[in-house]
Amino acid sequence: MPDHDSPRLLAAARARVAGARSLLARPRACNLDECVTLLREAQGYLEWLRDSLPRAGSARPDLRGQALALAGEIRQAGVLLEQAARFGRRWLERLQSAAGYTAAGTCVPLQPRGQISLFG
């Protein structure tokens, strides 16, 4: 892979991380599966960049620092993703226990409470 592709790989990884972080800014409305996909793609681009560097030589010494900084951003976004999943799970548990909703958001059928007397 030519050396001029290395900055494009880094830019593609950076774009994926930025997309995941923007989605995680609103954790309740966020599609966590989409965030995971974006972070995995970013990690894949970084691995591809790492594999291409020995062949490209040391023509771009600043790429290592940028790649390390981006790997740190991926780890931070992973922490945000874990928090969003945990808070979402807690929110669903509270919703289910308080109002009687299922995970799909439908109401649980009301169960009759007490006793029914035929004799009044």
N, C-alpha and C. Protein backbone atom coordinates (compact mmCIF):
# COMPACT_ATOMS: atom_id res chain seq x y z
N MET A 1 0.85 -1.16 0.00
CA MET A 1 0.00 0.00 0.00
C MET A 1 0.90 1.23 0.00
N PRO A 2 0.65 2.19 -0.87
CA PRO A 2 1.49 3.38 -0.91
C PRO A 2 1.35 4.22 0.35
N ASP A 3 2.39 5.03 0.61
CA ASP A 3 2.40 5.86 1.81
C ASP A 3 1.31 6.92 1.79
N HIS A 4 0.92 7.37 0.60
CA HIS A 4 -0.09 8.43 0.55
C HIS A 4 -1.47 7.92 0.96
N ASP A 5 -1.66 6.63 1.06
CA ASP A 5 -2.94 6.09 1.55
C ASP A 5 -3.01 6.09 3.08
N SER A 6 -1.89 6.17 3.75
CA SER A 6 -1.88 6.14 5.21
C SER A 6 -2.68 7.30 5.82
N PRO A 7 -2.52 8.54 5.35
CA PRO A 7 -3.35 9.61 5.91
C PRO A 7 -4.84 9.40 5.64
N ARG A 8 -5.17 8.79 4.52
CA ARG A 8 -6.59 8.52 4.24
C ARG A 8 -7.15 7.47 5.19
N LEU A 9 -6.36 6.46 5.51
CA LEU A 9 -6.81 5.45 6.47
C LEU A 9 -7.03 6.08 7.84
N LEU A 10 -6.12 6.94 8.24
CA LEU A 10 -6.25 7.62 9.53
C LEU A 10 -7.47 8.55 9.52
N ALA A 11 -7.70 9.24 8.42
CA ALA A 11 -8.86 10.12 8.33
C ALA A 11 -10.17 9.32 8.37
N ALA A 12 -10.18 8.16 7.72
CA ALA A 12 -11.38 7.32 7.73
C ALA A 12 -11.66 6.82 9.15
N ALA A 13 -10.62 6.41 9.86
CA ALA A 13 -10.79 5.96 11.25
C ALA A 13 -11.28 7.10 12.12
N ARG A 14 -10.69 8.29 11.93
CA ARG A 14 -11.09 9.45 12.72
C ARG A 14 -12.56 9.82 12.45
N ALA A 15 -13.00 9.69 11.21
CA ALA A 15 -14.40 9.99 10.87
C ALA A 15 -15.35 9.00 11.55
N ARG A 16 -14.97 7.73 11.62
CA ARG A 16 -15.81 6.73 12.28
C ARG A 16 -15.93 7.01 13.78
N VAL A 17 -14.81 7.39 14.40
CA VAL A 17 -14.83 7.69 15.83
C VAL A 17 -15.68 8.92 16.09
N ALA A 18 -15.54 9.93 15.25
CA ALA A 18 -16.34 11.15 15.42
C ALA A 18 -17.83 10.85 15.26
N GLY A 19 -18.18 9.98 14.33
CA GLY A 19 -19.58 9.59 14.16
C GLY A 19 -20.12 8.86 15.37
N ALA A 20 -19.33 7.97 15.93
CA ALA A 20 -19.78 7.23 17.12
C ALA A 20 -19.92 8.17 18.32
N ARG A 21 -18.98 9.09 18.47
CA ARG A 21 -19.06 10.02 19.60
C ARG A 21 -20.25 10.96 19.47
N SER A 22 -20.58 11.35 18.24
CA SER A 22 -21.74 12.23 18.07
C SER A 22 -23.04 11.47 18.38
N LEU A 23 -23.09 10.20 18.03
CA LEU A 23 -24.26 9.40 18.38
C LEU A 23 -24.38 9.21 19.88
N LEU A 24 -23.24 9.04 20.55
CA LEU A 24 -23.24 8.81 21.99
C LEU A 24 -23.52 10.07 22.80
N ALA A 25 -23.58 11.21 22.13
CA ALA A 25 -23.91 12.45 22.84
C ALA A 25 -25.34 12.41 23.37
N ARG A 26 -26.20 11.64 22.72
CA ARG A 26 -27.58 11.45 23.17
C ARG A 26 -27.80 9.96 23.41
N PRO A 27 -27.40 9.44 24.58
CA PRO A 27 -27.39 7.98 24.78
C PRO A 27 -28.77 7.34 24.75
N ARG A 28 -29.82 8.06 25.12
CA ARG A 28 -31.15 7.42 25.09
C ARG A 28 -31.66 7.24 23.68
N ALA A 29 -31.29 8.15 22.78
CA ALA A 29 -31.75 8.06 21.40
C ALA A 29 -30.76 7.33 20.51
N CYS A 30 -29.65 6.92 21.09
CA CYS A 30 -28.55 6.32 20.31
C CYS A 30 -28.83 4.86 19.99
N ASN A 31 -28.49 4.47 18.78
CA ASN A 31 -28.53 3.06 18.39
C ASN A 31 -27.17 2.48 18.74
N LEU A 32 -27.10 1.73 19.82
CA LEU A 32 -25.82 1.23 20.31
C LEU A 32 -25.14 0.28 19.33
N ASP A 33 -25.93 -0.47 18.57
CA ASP A 33 -25.34 -1.38 17.58
C ASP A 33 -24.60 -0.60 16.50
N GLU A 34 -25.16 0.54 16.11
CA GLU A 34 -24.51 1.38 15.10
C GLU A 34 -23.20 1.96 15.64
N CYS A 35 -23.20 2.33 16.91
CA CYS A 35 -21.97 2.84 17.54
C CYS A 35 -20.89 1.76 17.59
N VAL A 36 -21.29 0.56 17.95
CA VAL A 36 -20.33 -0.54 18.00
C VAL A 36 -19.74 -0.78 16.61
N THR A 37 -20.59 -0.74 15.59
CA THR A 37 -20.12 -0.95 14.22
C THR A 37 -19.11 0.12 13.82
N LEU A 38 -19.42 1.38 14.14
CA LEU A 38 -18.50 2.46 13.79
C LEU A 38 -17.16 2.32 14.51
N LEU A 39 -17.20 1.95 15.78
CA LEU A 39 -15.95 1.79 16.52
C LEU A 39 -15.14 0.59 16.01
N ARG A 40 -15.82 -0.47 15.62
CA ARG A 40 -15.10 -1.63 15.05
C ARG A 40 -14.47 -1.27 13.72
N GLU A 41 -15.19 -0.48 12.90
CA GLU A 41 -14.62 -0.05 11.63
C GLU A 41 -13.39 0.83 11.86
N ALA A 42 -13.48 1.74 12.83
CA ALA A 42 -12.33 2.61 13.14
C ALA A 42 -11.14 1.77 13.59
N GLN A 43 -11.39 0.79 14.43
CA GLN A 43 -10.31 -0.10 14.88
C GLN A 43 -9.72 -0.86 13.70
N GLY A 44 -10.57 -1.29 12.77
CA GLY A 44 -10.09 -1.98 11.58
C GLY A 44 -9.21 -1.09 10.72
N TYR A 45 -9.60 0.18 10.55
CA TYR A 45 -8.77 1.10 9.78
C TYR A 45 -7.42 1.32 10.46
N LEU A 46 -7.42 1.41 11.79
CA LEU A 46 -6.15 1.58 12.49
C LEU A 46 -5.25 0.35 12.35
N GLU A 47 -5.86 -0.83 12.38
CA GLU A 47 -5.06 -2.05 12.18
C GLU A 47 -4.51 -2.12 10.77
N TRP A 48 -5.31 -1.69 9.80
CA TRP A 48 -4.86 -1.67 8.41
C TRP A 48 -3.70 -0.68 8.26
N LEU A 49 -3.82 0.46 8.93
CA LEU A 49 -2.74 1.46 8.90
C LEU A 49 -1.48 0.88 9.54
N ARG A 50 -1.63 0.22 10.68
CA ARG A 50 -0.48 -0.38 11.36
C ARG A 50 0.22 -1.40 10.46
N ASP A 51 -0.58 -2.21 9.76
CA ASP A 51 0.00 -3.24 8.90
C ASP A 51 0.70 -2.63 7.69
N SER A 52 0.28 -1.45 7.27
CA SER A 52 0.88 -0.83 6.08
C SER A 52 2.12 -0.02 6.41
N LEU A 53 2.32 0.35 7.66
CA LEU A 53 3.45 1.21 8.01
C LEU A 53 4.82 0.57 7.80
N PRO A 54 5.05 -0.69 8.14
CA PRO A 54 6.40 -1.25 7.90
C PRO A 54 6.79 -1.22 6.42
N ARG A 55 5.83 -1.40 5.53
CA ARG A 55 6.12 -1.36 4.10
C ARG A 55 6.36 0.07 3.64
N ALA A 56 5.65 1.02 4.25
CA ALA A 56 5.76 2.40 3.82
C ALA A 56 7.03 3.06 4.36
N GLY A 57 7.63 2.46 5.35
CA GLY A 57 8.84 3.03 5.92
C GLY A 57 8.51 4.13 6.91
N SER A 58 9.50 4.94 7.20
CA SER A 58 9.30 6.00 8.18
C SER A 58 9.16 7.35 7.50
N ALA A 59 8.46 7.41 6.39
CA ALA A 59 8.28 8.66 5.66
C ALA A 59 7.40 9.64 6.43
N ARG A 60 6.47 9.13 7.24
CA ARG A 60 5.56 9.99 8.00
C ARG A 60 5.67 9.66 9.48
N PRO A 61 6.62 10.24 10.19
CA PRO A 61 6.77 9.92 11.61
C PRO A 61 5.62 10.44 12.47
N ASP A 62 4.87 11.43 11.98
CA ASP A 62 3.76 11.98 12.76
C ASP A 62 2.55 11.05 12.77
N LEU A 63 2.51 10.07 11.88
CA LEU A 63 1.36 9.15 11.83
C LEU A 63 1.26 8.32 13.11
N ARG A 64 2.39 7.95 13.67
CA ARG A 64 2.36 7.13 14.89
C ARG A 64 1.67 7.88 16.03
N GLY A 65 2.02 9.13 16.22
CA GLY A 65 1.40 9.93 17.28
C GLY A 65 -0.08 10.13 17.04
N GLN A 66 -0.45 10.39 15.79
CA GLN A 66 -1.87 10.56 15.47
C GLN A 66 -2.64 9.26 15.67
N ALA A 67 -2.05 8.15 15.29
CA ALA A 67 -2.72 6.86 15.45
C ALA A 67 -2.88 6.52 16.93
N LEU A 68 -1.87 6.83 17.75
CA LEU A 68 -1.98 6.58 19.19
C LEU A 68 -3.06 7.46 19.81
N ALA A 69 -3.14 8.72 19.38
CA ALA A 69 -4.18 9.61 19.90
C ALA A 69 -5.56 9.10 19.51
N LEU A 70 -5.70 8.62 18.29
CA LEU A 70 -6.99 8.10 17.84
C LEU A 70 -7.35 6.82 18.57
N ALA A 71 -6.38 5.98 18.87
CA ALA A 71 -6.66 4.76 19.64
C ALA A 71 -7.17 5.14 21.03
N GLY A 72 -6.63 6.20 21.62
CA GLY A 72 -7.14 6.68 22.90
C GLY A 72 -8.57 7.18 22.79
N GLU A 73 -8.89 7.86 21.69
CA GLU A 73 -10.27 8.31 21.47
C GLU A 73 -11.23 7.13 21.32
N ILE A 74 -10.77 6.06 20.68
CA ILE A 74 -11.60 4.87 20.54
C ILE A 74 -11.87 4.27 21.91
N ARG A 75 -10.86 4.21 22.77
CA ARG A 75 -11.07 3.69 24.12
C ARG A 75 -12.05 4.56 24.90
N GLN A 76 -11.94 5.88 24.77
CA GLN A 76 -12.87 6.78 25.45
C GLN A 76 -14.29 6.59 24.94
N ALA A 77 -14.45 6.44 23.63
CA ALA A 77 -15.77 6.21 23.07
C ALA A 77 -16.32 4.86 23.53
N GLY A 78 -15.46 3.87 23.70
CA GLY A 78 -15.89 2.58 24.24
C GLY A 78 -16.43 2.70 25.65
N VAL A 79 -15.79 3.54 26.46
CA VAL A 79 -16.28 3.78 27.82
C VAL A 79 -17.65 4.45 27.77
N LEU A 80 -17.81 5.43 26.89
CA LEU A 80 -19.11 6.09 26.73
C LEU A 80 -20.17 5.09 26.28
N LEU A 81 -19.79 4.17 25.41
CA LEU A 81 -20.72 3.15 24.94
C LEU A 81 -21.15 2.23 26.07
N GLU A 82 -20.21 1.83 26.91
CA GLU A 82 -20.55 0.98 28.06
C GLU A 82 -21.50 1.71 29.01
N GLN A 83 -21.24 2.99 29.25
CA GLN A 83 -22.12 3.77 30.13
C GLN A 83 -23.51 3.91 29.53
N ALA A 84 -23.59 4.15 28.23
CA ALA A 84 -24.89 4.28 27.59
C ALA A 84 -25.67 2.98 27.69
N ALA A 85 -24.99 1.85 27.51
CA ALA A 85 -25.67 0.55 27.63
C ALA A 85 -26.15 0.31 29.06
N ARG A 86 -25.30 0.66 30.04
CA ARG A 86 -25.67 0.45 31.44
C ARG A 86 -26.83 1.35 31.84
N PHE A 87 -26.77 2.63 31.47
CA PHE A 87 -27.86 3.56 31.82
C PHE A 87 -29.14 3.19 31.10
N GLY A 88 -29.02 2.74 29.85
CA GLY A 88 -30.21 2.32 29.11
C GLY A 88 -30.87 1.11 29.75
N ARG A 89 -30.04 0.18 30.23
CA ARG A 89 -30.57 -1.01 30.90
C ARG A 89 -31.28 -0.61 32.19
N ARG A 90 -30.68 0.29 32.96
CA ARG A 90 -31.31 0.75 34.20
C ARG A 90 -32.62 1.47 33.91
N TRP A 91 -32.61 2.30 32.87
CA TRP A 91 -33.81 3.05 32.51
C TRP A 91 -34.94 2.09 32.14
N LEU A 92 -34.62 1.04 31.36
CA LEU A 92 -35.64 0.07 30.99
C LEU A 92 -36.15 -0.70 32.20
N GLU A 93 -35.24 -1.04 33.13
CA GLU A 93 -35.67 -1.76 34.33
C GLU A 93 -36.61 -0.91 35.16
N ARG A 94 -36.30 0.37 35.32
CA ARG A 94 -37.18 1.26 36.08
C ARG A 94 -38.52 1.43 35.37
N LEU A 95 -38.49 1.54 34.06
CA LEU A 95 -39.73 1.70 33.30
C LEU A 95 -40.59 0.45 33.43
N GLN A 96 -39.98 -0.71 33.35
CA GLN A 96 -40.74 -1.95 33.45
C GLN A 96 -41.32 -2.15 34.84
N SER A 97 -40.56 -1.83 35.86
CA SER A 97 -41.06 -2.07 37.21
C SER A 97 -42.09 -1.03 37.63
N ALA A 98 -41.96 0.19 37.17
CA ALA A 98 -42.86 1.26 37.61
C ALA A 98 -44.18 1.25 36.85
N ALA A 99 -44.12 1.18 35.55
CA ALA A 99 -45.33 1.37 34.76
C ALA A 99 -45.85 0.08 34.14
N GLY A 100 -45.10 -0.97 34.19
CA GLY A 100 -45.56 -2.23 33.63
C GLY A 100 -45.43 -2.29 32.11
N TYR A 101 -44.27 -1.89 31.58
CA TYR A 101 -44.01 -1.95 30.16
C TYR A 101 -42.99 -3.05 29.88
N THR A 102 -43.06 -3.59 28.69
CA THR A 102 -42.10 -4.60 28.27
C THR A 102 -40.90 -3.90 27.63
N ALA A 103 -39.87 -4.66 27.30
CA ALA A 103 -38.69 -4.08 26.65
C ALA A 103 -39.03 -3.53 25.27
N ALA A 104 -40.07 -4.05 24.64
CA ALA A 104 -40.49 -3.55 23.34
C ALA A 104 -41.30 -2.27 23.45
N GLY A 105 -41.68 -1.88 24.66
CA GLY A 105 -42.42 -0.65 24.86
C GLY A 105 -43.92 -0.81 24.89
N THR A 106 -44.40 -2.04 24.90
CA THR A 106 -45.85 -2.27 24.96
C THR A 106 -46.28 -2.44 26.41
N CYS A 107 -47.53 -2.13 26.66
CA CYS A 107 -48.05 -2.25 28.03
C CYS A 107 -48.26 -3.72 28.38
N VAL A 108 -47.97 -4.03 29.61
CA VAL A 108 -48.23 -5.36 30.14
C VAL A 108 -49.73 -5.42 30.46
N PRO A 109 -50.42 -6.52 30.10
CA PRO A 109 -51.84 -6.62 30.43
C PRO A 109 -52.06 -6.49 31.94
N LEU A 110 -53.10 -5.78 32.30
CA LEU A 110 -53.40 -5.59 33.71
C LEU A 110 -53.85 -6.91 34.34
N GLN A 111 -53.31 -7.18 35.49
CA GLN A 111 -53.69 -8.36 36.24
C GLN A 111 -54.71 -7.93 37.30
N PRO A 112 -55.81 -8.64 37.40
CA PRO A 112 -56.79 -8.24 38.42
C PRO A 112 -56.20 -8.46 39.81
N ARG A 113 -56.43 -7.47 40.68
CA ARG A 113 -55.91 -7.55 42.04
C ARG A 113 -57.07 -7.75 43.00
N GLY A 114 -56.79 -8.38 44.07
CA GLY A 114 -57.82 -8.59 45.07
C GLY A 114 -58.70 -9.78 44.72
N GLN A 115 -59.93 -9.73 45.25
CA GLN A 115 -60.87 -10.85 45.03
C GLN A 115 -62.16 -10.29 44.46
N ILE A 116 -62.77 -11.09 43.65
CA ILE A 116 -64.07 -10.73 43.11
C ILE A 116 -65.12 -11.56 43.84
N SER A 117 -66.10 -10.87 44.36
CA SER A 117 -67.15 -11.57 45.10
C SER A 117 -68.42 -11.57 44.28
N LEU A 118 -69.02 -12.74 44.17
CA LEU A 118 -70.30 -12.85 43.46
C LEU A 118 -71.46 -12.49 44.37
N PHE A 119 -71.25 -12.50 45.68
CA PHE A 119 -72.34 -12.27 46.60
C PHE A 119 -72.40 -10.84 47.11
N GLY A 120 -71.53 -10.00 46.68
CA GLY A 120 -71.58 -8.59 46.97
C GLY A 120 -70.87 -8.16 48.13
